[in-house]
């Protein structure tokens, strides 16, 4: 069982920045990947960015060039640096991990609100 705890959400102005953190209770090096998803009110949860065990990254088109996912394997933490924030980035952001057996784990989410 892996526990994921997100932090770093809050209120930002359009054009501003926030950095989210996801701390895992186990070694993130043992995960197939760790990803950030988000869910805005009335919308489906969507993938934002992911980083694999090998360090490869991928991003949803709307955040490419603005968001950066990274990890610290010593701290078992994955980060999401969000720059040039837009009001449409407002959502609850969730951390998700898949372990080597294919089981998924989710964090409790952190709210990001971007004002115009």
Protein backbone atom coordinates (compact mmCIF):
# COMPACT_ATOMS: atom_id res chain seq x y z
CA UNK A 1 0.00 0.00 0.00
CA UNK A 2 1.36 3.38 -1.04
CA UNK A 3 0.13 6.65 0.37
CA UNK A 4 0.45 9.87 -1.59
CA UNK A 5 0.15 13.30 -0.01
CA UNK A 6 -0.15 16.40 -2.17
CA UNK A 7 0.56 19.94 -1.06
CA UNK A 8 1.31 23.33 -2.52
CA UNK A 9 -2.06 24.28 -3.89
CA UNK A 10 -3.64 27.63 -3.27
CA UNK A 11 -4.71 30.84 -4.90
CA UNK A 12 -2.68 32.42 -7.68
CA UNK A 13 -3.24 35.23 -10.12
CA UNK A 14 -3.26 34.65 -13.84
CA UNK A 15 0.32 34.62 -15.08
CA UNK A 16 1.58 33.50 -11.70
CA UNK A 17 3.24 30.31 -10.54
CA UNK A 18 2.68 27.50 -8.07
CA UNK A 19 4.64 24.37 -7.27
CA UNK A 20 2.80 21.25 -6.18
CA UNK A 21 4.47 18.43 -4.28
CA UNK A 22 3.49 14.78 -3.99
CA UNK A 23 5.21 12.83 -1.26
CA UNK A 24 5.02 9.03 -1.45
CA UNK A 25 5.19 6.71 1.53
CA UNK A 26 7.27 4.27 -0.50
CA UNK A 27 10.10 4.50 -2.96
CA UNK A 28 9.04 6.28 -6.12
CA UNK A 29 11.81 4.45 -7.92
CA UNK A 30 9.65 1.33 -7.51
CA UNK A 31 6.76 2.89 -9.38
CA UNK A 32 6.10 2.42 -13.09
CA UNK A 33 5.13 6.06 -13.21
CA UNK A 34 3.78 8.92 -11.14
CA UNK A 35 1.38 11.39 -12.67
CA UNK A 36 -0.52 14.54 -11.92
CA UNK A 37 -4.18 14.67 -12.86
CA UNK A 38 -6.69 17.44 -12.35
CA UNK A 39 -10.43 17.74 -12.13
CA UNK A 40 -12.30 20.98 -12.63
CA UNK A 41 -15.91 21.39 -11.43
CA UNK A 42 -18.29 19.54 -13.73
CA UNK A 43 -15.49 18.01 -15.77
CA UNK A 44 -13.80 14.65 -15.97
CA UNK A 45 -10.47 14.05 -14.31
CA UNK A 46 -7.70 14.48 -16.87
CA UNK A 47 -4.03 13.71 -17.08
CA UNK A 48 -1.76 16.75 -16.75
CA UNK A 49 1.74 15.30 -16.69
CA UNK A 50 3.53 12.05 -15.92
CA UNK A 51 7.05 10.86 -15.21
CA UNK A 52 8.14 7.26 -15.61
CA UNK A 53 10.57 5.24 -13.56
CA UNK A 54 13.14 5.91 -16.28
CA UNK A 55 12.59 9.65 -16.03
CA UNK A 56 10.66 10.13 -19.25
CA UNK A 57 7.97 12.78 -19.11
CA UNK A 58 4.83 13.60 -21.02
CA UNK A 59 2.38 16.47 -20.82
CA UNK A 60 -1.17 17.24 -21.78
CA UNK A 61 -1.18 19.65 -24.72
CA UNK A 62 -2.72 22.56 -22.82
CA UNK A 63 0.11 22.66 -20.28
CA UNK A 64 3.10 22.01 -22.52
CA UNK A 65 5.67 24.73 -22.14
CA UNK A 66 4.07 26.01 -18.91
CA UNK A 67 4.20 23.05 -16.51
CA UNK A 68 7.18 20.90 -15.58
CA UNK A 69 7.08 17.59 -13.77
CA UNK A 70 10.16 16.45 -11.88
CA UNK A 71 11.12 14.11 -9.08
CA UNK A 72 13.49 13.70 -6.17
CA UNK A 73 14.04 9.98 -5.59
CA UNK A 74 15.82 10.61 -2.30
CA UNK A 75 12.84 12.52 -0.91
CA UNK A 76 10.33 10.25 -2.70
CA UNK A 77 8.68 13.38 -3.99
CA UNK A 78 7.31 14.38 -7.36
CA UNK A 79 6.82 18.04 -8.19
CA UNK A 80 4.67 19.94 -10.63
CA UNK A 81 6.01 23.40 -11.37
CA UNK A 82 3.20 25.45 -12.88
CA UNK A 83 4.05 28.73 -14.60
CA UNK A 84 1.99 31.20 -16.60
CA UNK A 85 -1.12 30.00 -14.85
CA UNK A 86 -4.50 30.59 -16.47
CA UNK A 87 -7.98 30.66 -14.93
CA UNK A 88 -8.74 27.43 -16.81
CA UNK A 89 -6.03 25.71 -14.77
CA UNK A 90 -8.34 25.99 -11.77
CA UNK A 91 -9.00 22.47 -10.51
CA UNK A 92 -8.26 19.96 -7.82
CA UNK A 93 -4.90 18.42 -8.63
CA UNK A 94 -4.31 14.77 -7.78
CA UNK A 95 -1.17 12.69 -7.64
CA UNK A 96 -1.41 9.14 -8.98
CA UNK A 97 1.11 6.32 -8.88
CA UNK A 98 1.20 2.91 -10.52
CA UNK A 99 3.35 0.26 -8.86
CA UNK A 100 5.20 -2.64 -10.52
CA UNK A 101 2.15 -4.91 -10.10
CA UNK A 102 -0.12 -2.46 -11.88
CA UNK A 103 -2.01 -1.22 -8.84
CA UNK A 104 -3.01 2.44 -8.78
CA UNK A 105 -2.84 4.81 -5.84
CA UNK A 106 -4.30 8.30 -5.55
CA UNK A 107 -3.66 11.18 -3.23
CA UNK A 108 -6.40 13.23 -1.64
CA UNK A 109 -5.92 16.20 -3.97
CA UNK A 110 -4.94 19.83 -3.56
CA UNK A 111 -7.00 22.77 -4.77
CA UNK A 112 -5.51 25.23 -7.25
CA UNK A 113 -7.48 28.38 -7.97
CA UNK A 114 -6.31 30.90 -10.56
CA UNK A 115 -7.96 34.30 -10.59
CA UNK A 116 -8.16 36.47 -13.68
